[in-house]
Amino acid sequence: MSDKEKLLKEYEEVQFSEQNLSLSTLLITFLLILLGLALFVPKIYIKNEIYYISRDINKLYREYSTQQEENRYLKREIEYLKYKSDIEDTIF
C-alpha cells in the first residue's frame, strides 16, 4: 500500500467519524431544544392570553362608551318630551 492510499484511507476515516453524531451530542442537543421549549412556550401562551383578554376588554369598553352616549341621547330626548308636554299642557 502506498503512502497516497494510506493518507486517503485515513482521510476517509476522519471524515466518516466527523460526520457521525455521538449519542451524547444528540442527547445534549435534544435537552437544549426541550429546555428552549419549556422556557418559551409558556411565554407565548401568556402573551396570547393577554392579547385576547385585552381584545375583549376593548370590545366591552366600546360597548360601554356606546351605551353611555345612547343614555345621554335618551336623557335629552326625555327632557325635550317633558318640556314639549309641559308647553302643550299650558297651551290647551
PDB file of N, CA and C in Angstrom:
ATOM      1  N   MET A   1       0.846  -1.163   0.000  1.00  0.00           N
ATOM      2  CA  MET A   1       0.000   0.000   0.000  1.00  0.00           C
ATOM      3  C   MET A   1       0.904   1.243   0.000  1.00  0.00           C
ATOM      4  N   SER A   2       0.584   2.134  -0.875  1.00  0.00           N
ATOM      5  CA  SER A   2       1.425   3.327  -0.990  1.00  0.00           C
ATOM      6  C   SER A   2       1.021   4.366   0.038  1.00  0.00           C
ATOM      7  N   ASP A   3       1.859   5.371   0.159  1.00  0.00           N
ATOM      8  CA  ASP A   3       1.586   6.453   1.105  1.00  0.00           C
ATOM      9  C   ASP A   3       0.302   7.202   0.739  1.00  0.00           C
ATOM     10  N   LYS A   4       0.069   7.345  -0.556  1.00  0.00           N
ATOM     11  CA  LYS A   4      -1.150   8.020  -1.010  1.00  0.00           C
ATOM     12  C   LYS A   4      -2.387   7.278  -0.535  1.00  0.00           C
ATOM     13  N   GLU A   5      -2.362   5.980  -0.702  1.00  0.00           N
ATOM     14  CA  GLU A   5      -3.514   5.174  -0.311  1.00  0.00           C
ATOM     15  C   GLU A   5      -3.734   5.223   1.204  1.00  0.00           C
ATOM     16  N   LYS A   6      -2.649   5.191   1.962  1.00  0.00           N
ATOM     17  CA  LYS A   6      -2.762   5.281   3.416  1.00  0.00           C
ATOM     18  C   LYS A   6      -3.362   6.623   3.835  1.00  0.00           C
ATOM     19  N   LEU A   7      -2.835   7.699   3.238  1.00  0.00           N
ATOM     20  CA  LEU A   7      -3.361   9.020   3.556  1.00  0.00           C
ATOM     21  C   LEU A   7      -4.844   9.143   3.176  1.00  0.00           C
ATOM     22  N   LEU A   8      -5.190   8.610   2.002  1.00  0.00           N
ATOM     23  CA  LEU A   8      -6.578   8.654   1.559  1.00  0.00           C
ATOM     24  C   LEU A   8      -7.472   7.858   2.495  1.00  0.00           C
ATOM     25  N   LYS A   9      -7.007   6.724   2.934  1.00  0.00           N
ATOM     26  CA  LYS A   9      -7.789   5.890   3.847  1.00  0.00           C
ATOM     27  C   LYS A   9      -7.973   6.593   5.190  1.00  0.00           C
ATOM     28  N   GLU A  10      -6.908   7.192   5.715  1.00  0.00           N
ATOM     29  CA  GLU A  10      -7.006   7.925   6.982  1.00  0.00           C
ATOM     30  C   GLU A  10      -7.935   9.130   6.846  1.00  0.00           C
ATOM     31  N   TYR A  11      -7.825   9.805   5.715  1.00  0.00           N
ATOM     32  CA  TYR A  11      -8.685  10.972   5.472  1.00  0.00           C
ATOM     33  C   TYR A  11     -10.162  10.566   5.445  1.00  0.00           C
ATOM     34  N   GLU A  12     -10.458   9.465   4.775  1.00  0.00           N
ATOM     35  CA  GLU A  12     -11.842   8.975   4.709  1.00  0.00           C
ATOM     36  C   GLU A  12     -12.347   8.585   6.098  1.00  0.00           C
ATOM     37  N   GLU A  13     -11.484   7.962   6.918  1.00  0.00           N
ATOM     38  CA  GLU A  13     -11.891   7.578   8.268  1.00  0.00           C
ATOM     39  C   GLU A  13     -12.175   8.805   9.125  1.00  0.00           C
ATOM     40  N   VAL A  14     -11.354   9.843   8.987  1.00  0.00           N
ATOM     41  CA  VAL A  14     -11.554  11.064   9.755  1.00  0.00           C
ATOM     42  C   VAL A  14     -12.860  11.735   9.328  1.00  0.00           C
ATOM     43  N   GLN A  15     -13.099  11.810   8.019  1.00  0.00           N
ATOM     44  CA  GLN A  15     -14.343  12.416   7.529  1.00  0.00           C
ATOM     45  C   GLN A  15     -15.557  11.628   7.997  1.00  0.00           C
ATOM     46  N   PHE A  16     -15.480  10.324   7.962  1.00  0.00           N
ATOM     47  CA  PHE A  16     -16.596   9.484   8.385  1.00  0.00           C
ATOM     48  C   PHE A  16     -16.880   9.674   9.867  1.00  0.00           C
ATOM     49  N   SER A  17     -15.842   9.753  10.683  1.00  0.00           N
ATOM     50  CA  SER A  17     -16.045   9.916  12.119  1.00  0.00           C
ATOM     51  C   SER A  17     -16.574  11.313  12.448  1.00  0.00           C
ATOM     52  N   GLU A  18     -16.205  12.325  11.655  1.00  0.00           N
ATOM     53  CA  GLU A  18     -16.695  13.674  11.894  1.00  0.00           C
ATOM     54  C   GLU A  18     -18.157  13.823  11.480  1.00  0.00           C
ATOM     55  N   GLN A  19     -18.598  13.026  10.520  1.00  0.00           N
ATOM     56  CA  GLN A  19     -19.970  13.134  10.040  1.00  0.00           C
ATOM     57  C   GLN A  19     -20.964  12.517  11.006  1.00  0.00           C
ATOM     58  N   ASN A  20     -20.588  11.541  11.747  1.00  0.00           N
ATOM     59  CA  ASN A  20     -21.497  10.870  12.668  1.00  0.00           C
ATOM     60  C   ASN A  20     -21.597  11.642  13.980  1.00  0.00           C
ATOM     61  N   LEU A  21     -22.804  11.760  14.486  1.00  0.00           N
ATOM     62  CA  LEU A  21     -23.012  12.404  15.778  1.00  0.00           C
ATOM     63  C   LEU A  21     -22.923  11.356  16.875  1.00  0.00           C
ATOM     64  N   SER A  22     -22.288  11.730  17.932  1.00  0.00           N
ATOM     65  CA  SER A  22     -22.234  10.805  19.053  1.00  0.00           C
ATOM     66  C   SER A  22     -23.561  10.882  19.809  1.00  0.00           C
ATOM     67  N   LEU A  23     -23.823   9.895  20.597  1.00  0.00           N
ATOM     68  CA  LEU A  23     -25.074   9.840  21.351  1.00  0.00           C
ATOM     69  C   LEU A  23     -25.153  10.981  22.356  1.00  0.00           C
ATOM     70  N   SER A  24     -24.024  11.312  22.963  1.00  0.00           N
ATOM     71  CA  SER A  24     -24.032  12.403  23.954  1.00  0.00           C
ATOM     72  C   SER A  24     -24.337  13.745  23.287  1.00  0.00           C
ATOM     73  N   THR A  25     -23.800  13.989  22.107  1.00  0.00           N
ATOM     74  CA  THR A  25     -24.087  15.235  21.386  1.00  0.00           C
ATOM     75  C   THR A  25     -25.558  15.307  21.020  1.00  0.00           C
ATOM     76  N   LEU A  26     -26.095  14.211  20.561  1.00  0.00           N
ATOM     77  CA  LEU A  26     -27.512  14.164  20.207  1.00  0.00           C
ATOM     78  C   LEU A  26     -28.392  14.369  21.439  1.00  0.00           C
ATOM     79  N   LEU A  27     -28.033  13.789  22.549  1.00  0.00           N
ATOM     80  CA  LEU A  27     -28.795  13.933  23.788  1.00  0.00           C
ATOM     81  C   LEU A  27     -28.737  15.370  24.307  1.00  0.00           C
ATOM     82  N   ILE A  28     -27.552  15.976  24.277  1.00  0.00           N
ATOM     83  CA  ILE A  28     -27.411  17.364  24.716  1.00  0.00           C
ATOM     84  C   ILE A  28     -28.246  18.286  23.829  1.00  0.00           C
ATOM     85  N   THR A  29     -28.202  18.069  22.531  1.00  0.00           N
ATOM     86  CA  THR A  29     -28.997  18.886  21.604  1.00  0.00           C
ATOM     87  C   THR A  29     -30.482  18.729  21.893  1.00  0.00           C
ATOM     88  N   PHE A  30     -30.925  17.521  22.108  1.00  0.00           N
ATOM     89  CA  PHE A  30     -32.332  17.265  22.409  1.00  0.00           C
ATOM     90  C   PHE A  30     -32.740  17.945  23.714  1.00  0.00           C
ATOM     91  N   LEU A  31     -31.888  17.867  24.733  1.00  0.00           N
ATOM     92  CA  LEU A  31     -32.189  18.510  26.014  1.00  0.00           C
ATOM     93  C   LEU A  31     -32.232  20.033  25.884  1.00  0.00           C
ATOM     94  N   LEU A  32     -31.350  20.612  25.083  1.00  0.00           N
ATOM     95  CA  LEU A  32     -31.373  22.062  24.856  1.00  0.00           C
ATOM     96  C   LEU A  32     -32.647  22.498  24.143  1.00  0.00           C
ATOM     97  N   ILE A  33     -33.086  21.710  23.189  1.00  0.00           N
ATOM     98  CA  ILE A  33     -34.349  22.022  22.499  1.00  0.00           C
ATOM     99  C   ILE A  33     -35.516  21.948  23.482  1.00  0.00           C
ATOM    100  N   LEU A  34     -35.541  20.924  24.314  1.00  0.00           N
ATOM    101  CA  LEU A  34     -36.607  20.805  25.317  1.00  0.00           C
ATOM    102  C   LEU A  34     -36.571  21.961  26.314  1.00  0.00           C
ATOM    103  N   LEU A  35     -35.380  22.364  26.722  1.00  0.00           N
ATOM    104  CA  LEU A  35     -35.247  23.490  27.635  1.00  0.00           C
ATOM    105  C   LEU A  35     -35.765  24.777  26.983  1.00  0.00           C
ATOM    106  N   GLY A  36     -35.418  24.990  25.723  1.00  0.00           N
ATOM    107  CA  GLY A  36     -35.915  26.156  24.998  1.00  0.00           C
ATOM    108  C   GLY A  36     -37.429  26.150  24.899  1.00  0.00           C
ATOM    109  N   LEU A  37     -37.997  25.007  24.588  1.00  0.00           N
ATOM    110  CA  LEU A  37     -39.458  24.901  24.524  1.00  0.00           C
ATOM    111  C   LEU A  37     -40.087  25.149  25.885  1.00  0.00           C
ATOM    112  N   ALA A  38     -39.476  24.605  26.929  1.00  0.00           N
ATOM    113  CA  ALA A  38     -40.021  24.794  28.282  1.00  0.00           C
ATOM    114  C   ALA A  38     -39.995  26.262  28.688  1.00  0.00           C
ATOM    115  N   LEU A  39     -39.030  27.006  28.197  1.00  0.00           N
ATOM    116  CA  LEU A  39     -38.948  28.427  28.538  1.00  0.00           C
ATOM    117  C   LEU A  39     -39.864  29.298  27.690  1.00  0.00           C
ATOM    118  N   PHE A  40     -39.978  28.993  26.408  1.00  0.00           N
ATOM    119  CA  PHE A  40     -40.677  29.898  25.505  1.00  0.00           C
ATOM    120  C   PHE A  40     -42.148  29.573  25.281  1.00  0.00           C
ATOM    121  N   VAL A  41     -42.557  28.338  25.418  1.00  0.00           N
ATOM    122  CA  VAL A  41     -43.975  28.002  25.218  1.00  0.00           C
ATOM    123  C   VAL A  41     -44.866  28.693  26.253  1.00  0.00           C
ATOM    124  N   PRO A  42     -44.534  28.690  27.538  1.00  0.00           N
ATOM    125  CA  PRO A  42     -45.385  29.416  28.487  1.00  0.00           C
ATOM    126  C   PRO A  42     -45.432  30.924  28.198  1.00  0.00           C
ATOM    127  N   LYS A  43     -44.302  31.482  27.791  1.00  0.00           N
ATOM    128  CA  LYS A  43     -44.260  32.909  27.480  1.00  0.00           C
ATOM    129  C   LYS A  43     -45.190  33.229  26.300  1.00  0.00           C
ATOM    130  N   ILE A  44     -45.143  32.421  25.274  1.00  0.00           N
ATOM    131  CA  ILE A  44     -46.007  32.625  24.115  1.00  0.00           C
ATOM    132  C   ILE A  44     -47.464  32.459  24.516  1.00  0.00           C
ATOM    133  N   TYR A  45     -47.765  31.451  25.323  1.00  0.00           N
ATOM    134  CA  TYR A  45     -49.139  31.221  25.764  1.00  0.00           C
ATOM    135  C   TYR A  45     -49.658  32.417  26.568  1.00  0.00           C
ATOM    136  N   ILE A  46     -48.847  32.912  27.490  1.00  0.00           N
ATOM    137  CA  ILE A  46     -49.271  34.046  28.320  1.00  0.00           C
ATOM    138  C   ILE A  46     -49.489  35.288  27.467  1.00  0.00           C
ATOM    139  N   LYS A  47     -48.603  35.541  26.508  1.00  0.00           N
ATOM    140  CA  LYS A  47     -48.775  36.709  25.629  1.00  0.00           C
ATOM    141  C   LYS A  47     -50.053  36.592  24.808  1.00  0.00           C
ATOM    142  N   ASN A  48     -50.352  35.402  24.323  1.00  0.00           N
ATOM    143  CA  ASN A  48     -51.594  35.213  23.560  1.00  0.00           C
ATOM    144  C   ASN A  48     -52.814  35.446  24.442  1.00  0.00           C
ATOM    145  N   GLU A  49     -52.775  34.945  25.664  1.00  0.00           N
ATOM    146  CA  GLU A  49     -53.901  35.152  26.580  1.00  0.00           C
ATOM    147  C   GLU A  49     -54.087  36.627  26.890  1.00  0.00           C
ATOM    148  N   ILE A  50     -52.996  37.341  27.113  1.00  0.00           N
ATOM    149  CA  ILE A  50     -53.086  38.783  27.372  1.00  0.00           C
ATOM    150  C   ILE A  50     -53.686  39.488  26.174  1.00  0.00           C
ATOM    151  N   TYR A  51     -53.283  39.102  24.974  1.00  0.00           N
ATOM    152  CA  TYR A  51     -53.811  39.720  23.758  1.00  0.00           C
ATOM    153  C   TYR A  51     -55.319  39.517  23.661  1.00  0.00           C
ATOM    154  N   TYR A  52     -55.779  38.274  23.837  1.00  0.00           N
ATOM    155  CA  TYR A  52     -57.211  38.005  23.705  1.00  0.00           C
ATOM    156  C   TYR A  52     -58.022  38.674  24.812  1.00  0.00           C
ATOM    157  N   ILE A  53     -57.490  38.716  26.020  1.00  0.00           N
ATOM    158  CA  ILE A  53     -58.199  39.381  27.117  1.00  0.00           C
ATOM    159  C   ILE A  53     -58.282  40.882  26.854  1.00  0.00           C
ATOM    160  N   SER A  54     -57.188  41.484  26.388  1.00  0.00           N
ATOM    161  CA  SER A  54     -57.224  42.921  26.119  1.00  0.00           C
ATOM    162  C   SER A  54     -58.162  43.228  24.958  1.00  0.00           C
ATOM    163  N   ARG A  55     -58.240  42.320  23.998  1.00  0.00           N
ATOM    164  CA  ARG A  55     -59.189  42.498  22.892  1.00  0.00           C
ATOM    165  C   ARG A  55     -60.624  42.472  23.414  1.00  0.00           C
ATOM    166  N   ASP A  56     -60.915  41.566  24.319  1.00  0.00           N
ATOM    167  CA  ASP A  56     -62.249  41.502  24.918  1.00  0.00           C
ATOM    168  C   ASP A  56     -62.544  42.756  25.742  1.00  0.00           C
ATOM    169  N   ILE A  57     -61.544  43.228  26.473  1.00  0.00           N
ATOM    170  CA  ILE A  57     -61.725  44.440  27.277  1.00  0.00           C
ATOM    171  C   ILE A  57     -62.015  45.628  26.374  1.00  0.00           C
ATOM    172  N   ASN A  58     -61.289  45.746  25.264  1.00  0.00           N
ATOM    173  CA  ASN A  58     -61.533  46.844  24.331  1.00  0.00           C
ATOM    174  C   ASN A  58     -62.933  46.773  23.735  1.00  0.00           C
ATOM    175  N   LYS A  59     -63.387  45.573  23.436  1.00  0.00           N
ATOM    176  CA  LYS A  59     -64.739  45.405  22.889  1.00  0.00           C
ATOM    177  C   LYS A  59     -65.773  45.850  23.929  1.00  0.00           C
ATOM    178  N   LEU A  60     -65.600  45.421  25.177  1.00  0.00           N
ATOM    179  CA  LEU A  60     -66.532  45.813  26.231  1.00  0.00           C
ATOM    180  C   LEU A  60     -66.498  47.316  26.480  1.00  0.00           C
ATOM    181  N   TYR A  61     -65.316  47.919  26.394  1.00  0.00           N
ATOM    182  CA  TYR A  61     -65.209  49.361  26.596  1.00  0.00           C
ATOM    183  C   TYR A  61     -65.915  50.118  25.468  1.00  0.00           C
ATOM    184  N   ARG A  62     -65.780  49.649  24.244  1.00  0.00           N
ATOM    185  CA  ARG A  62     -66.504  50.280  23.129  1.00  0.00           C
ATOM    186  C   ARG A  62     -68.006  50.191  23.338  1.00  0.00           C
ATOM    187  N   GLU A  63     -68.473  49.021  23.767  1.00  0.00           N
ATOM    188  CA  GLU A  63     -69.904  48.865  24.030  1.00  0.00           C
ATOM    189  C   GLU A  63     -70.348  49.782  25.172  1.00  0.00           C
ATOM    190  N   TYR A  64     -69.542  49.892  26.198  1.00  0.00           N
ATOM    191  CA  TYR A  64     -69.845  50.762  27.332  1.00  0.00           C
ATOM    192  C   TYR A  64     -69.931  52.224  26.872  1.00  0.00           C
ATOM    193  N   SER A  65     -68.977  52.655  26.062  1.00  0.00           N
ATOM    194  CA  SER A  65     -68.988  54.033  25.556  1.00  0.00           C
ATOM    195  C   SER A  65     -70.223  54.286  24.707  1.00  0.00           C
ATOM    196  N   THR A  66     -70.588  53.320  23.893  1.00  0.00           N
ATOM    197  CA  THR A  66     -71.776  53.455  23.052  1.00  0.00           C
ATOM    198  C   THR A  66     -73.029  53.551  23.921  1.00  0.00           C
ATOM    199  N   GLN A  67     -73.101  52.740  24.959  1.00  0.00           N
ATOM    200  CA  GLN A  67     -74.259  52.774  25.855  1.00  0.00           C
ATOM    201  C   GLN A  67     -74.336  54.115  26.597  1.00  0.00           C
ATOM    202  N   GLN A  68     -73.195  54.641  26.999  1.00  0.00           N
ATOM    203  CA  GLN A  68     -73.196  55.945  27.669  1.00  0.00           C
ATOM    204  C   GLN A  68     -73.704  57.033  26.732  1.00  0.00           C
ATOM    205  N   GLU A  69     -73.235  57.003  25.494  1.00  0.00           N
ATOM    206  CA  GLU A  69     -73.683  58.009  24.529  1.00  0.00           C
ATOM    207  C   GLU A  69     -75.178  57.867  24.258  1.00  0.00           C
ATOM    208  N   GLU A  70     -75.644  56.643  24.133  1.00  0.00           N
ATOM    209  CA  GLU A  70     -77.075  56.419  23.912  1.00  0.00           C
ATOM    210  C   GLU A  70     -77.875  56.892  25.129  1.00  0.00           C
ATOM    211  N   ASN A  71     -77.358  56.680  26.326  1.00  0.00           N
ATOM    212  CA  ASN A  71     -78.025  57.126  27.548  1.00  0.00           C
ATOM    213  C   ASN A  71     -78.149  58.654  27.554  1.00  0.00           C
ATOM    214  N   ARG A  72     -77.085  59.350  27.177  1.00  0.00           N
ATOM    215  CA  ARG A  72     -77.146  60.818  27.103  1.00  0.00           C
ATOM    216  C   ARG A  72     -78.199  61.277  26.102  1.00  0.00           C
ATOM    217  N   TYR A  73     -78.205  60.607  24.956  1.00  0.00           N
ATOM    218  CA  TYR A  73     -79.177  60.959  23.923  1.00  0.00           C
ATOM    219  C   TYR A  73     -80.607  60.758  24.443  1.00  0.00           C
ATOM    220  N   LEU A  74     -80.852  59.645  25.096  1.00  0.00           N
ATOM    221  CA  LEU A  74     -82.200  59.356  25.596  1.00  0.00           C
ATOM    222  C   LEU A  74     -82.606  60.339  26.695  1.00  0.00           C
ATOM    223  N   LYS A  75     -81.669  60.722  27.532  1.00  0.00           N
ATOM    224  CA  LYS A  75     -81.977  61.718  28.569  1.00  0.00           C
ATOM    225  C   LYS A  75     -82.372  63.052  27.932  1.00  0.00           C
ATOM    226  N   ARG A  76     -81.655  63.472  26.893  1.00  0.00           N
ATOM    227  CA  ARG A  76     -82.021  64.712  26.201  1.00  0.00           C
ATOM    228  C   ARG A  76     -83.397  64.592  25.557  1.00  0.00           C
ATOM    229  N   GLU A  77     -83.647  63.417  25.003  1.00  0.00           N
ATOM    230  CA  GLU A  77     -84.951  63.198  24.363  1.00  0.00           C
ATOM    231  C   GLU A  77     -86.067  63.249  25.404  1.00  0.00           C
ATOM    232  N   ILE A  78     -85.840  62.663  26.551  1.00  0.00           N
ATOM    233  CA  ILE A  78     -86.839  62.705  27.633  1.00  0.00           C
ATOM    234  C   ILE A  78     -87.069  64.147  28.089  1.00  0.00           C
ATOM    235  N   GLU A  79     -85.971  64.887  28.265  1.00  0.00           N
ATOM    236  CA  GLU A  79     -86.127  66.298  28.658  1.00  0.00           C
ATOM    237  C   GLU A  79     -86.911  67.076  27.612  1.00  0.00           C
ATOM    238  N   TYR A  80     -86.640  66.834  26.363  1.00  0.00           N
ATOM    239  CA  TYR A  80     -87.359  67.519  25.293  1.00  0.00           C
ATOM    240  C   TYR A  80     -88.842  67.165  25.331  1.00  0.00           C
ATOM    241  N   LEU A  81     -89.134  65.879  25.495  1.00  0.00           N
ATOM    242  CA  LEU A  81     -90.532  65.462  25.529  1.00  0.00           C
ATOM    243  C   LEU A  81     -91.253  66.023  26.758  1.00  0.00           C
ATOM    244  N   LYS A  82     -90.569  66.066  27.899  1.00  0.00           N
ATOM    245  CA  LYS A  82     -91.170  66.663  29.101  1.00  0.00           C
ATOM    246  C   LYS A  82     -91.450  68.150  28.867  1.00  0.00           C
ATOM    247  N   TYR A  83     -90.490  68.831  28.294  1.00  0.00           N
ATOM    248  CA  TYR A  83     -90.659  70.249  28.011  1.00  0.00           C
ATOM    249  C   TYR A  83     -91.817  70.459  27.032  1.00  0.00           C
ATOM    250  N   LYS A  84     -91.844  69.658  25.989  1.00  0.00           N
ATOM    251  CA  LYS A  84     -92.917  69.762  24.991  1.00  0.00           C
ATOM    252  C   LYS A  84     -94.264  69.478  25.642  1.00  0.00           C
ATOM    253  N   SER A  85     -94.302  68.475  26.495  1.00  0.00           N
ATOM    254  CA  SER A  85     -95.549  68.135  27.170  1.00  0.00           C
ATOM    255  C   SER A  85     -96.000  69.273  28.084  1.00  0.00           C
ATOM    256  N   ASP A  86     -95.072  69.862  28.834  1.00  0.00           N
ATOM    257  CA  ASP A  86     -95.408  70.981  29.723  1.00  0.00           C
ATOM    258  C   ASP A  86     -95.920  72.179  28.922  1.00  0.00           C
ATOM    259  N   ILE A  87     -95.274  72.441  27.809  1.00  0.00           N
ATOM    260  CA  ILE A  87     -95.692  73.571  26.973  1.00  0.00           C
ATOM    261  C   ILE A  87     -97.081  73.308  26.377  1.00  0.00           C
ATOM    262  N   GLU A  88     -97.300  72.107  25.904  1.00  0.00           N
ATOM    263  CA  GLU A  88     -98.602  71.804  25.300  1.00  0.00           C
ATOM    264  C   GLU A  88     -99.707  71.824  26.359  1.00  0.00           C
ATOM    265  N   ASP A  89     -99.398  71.401  27.580  1.00  0.00           N
ATOM    266  CA  ASP A  89    -100.387  71.436  28.653  1.00  0.00           C
ATOM    267  C   ASP A  89    -100.803  72.871  28.974  1.00  0.00           C
ATOM    268  N   THR A  90     -99.872  73.773  28.924  1.00  0.00           N
ATOM    269  CA  THR A  90    -100.207  75.167  29.228  1.00  0.00           C
ATOM    270  C   THR A  90    -100.962  75.818  28.080  1.00  0.00           C
ATOM    271  N   ILE A  91    -100.747  75.383  26.866  1.00  0.00           N
ATOM    272  CA  ILE A  91    -101.451  75.973  25.724  1.00  0.00           C
ATOM    273  C   ILE A  91    -102.899  75.493  25.689  1.00  0.00           C
ATOM    274  N   PHE A  92    -103.134  74.240  25.964  1.00  0.00           N
ATOM    275  CA  PHE A  92    -104.506  73.721  25.879  1.00  0.00           C
ATOM    276  C   PHE A  92    -105.145  73.729  27.188  1.00  0.00           C
TER     277      PHE A  92
END
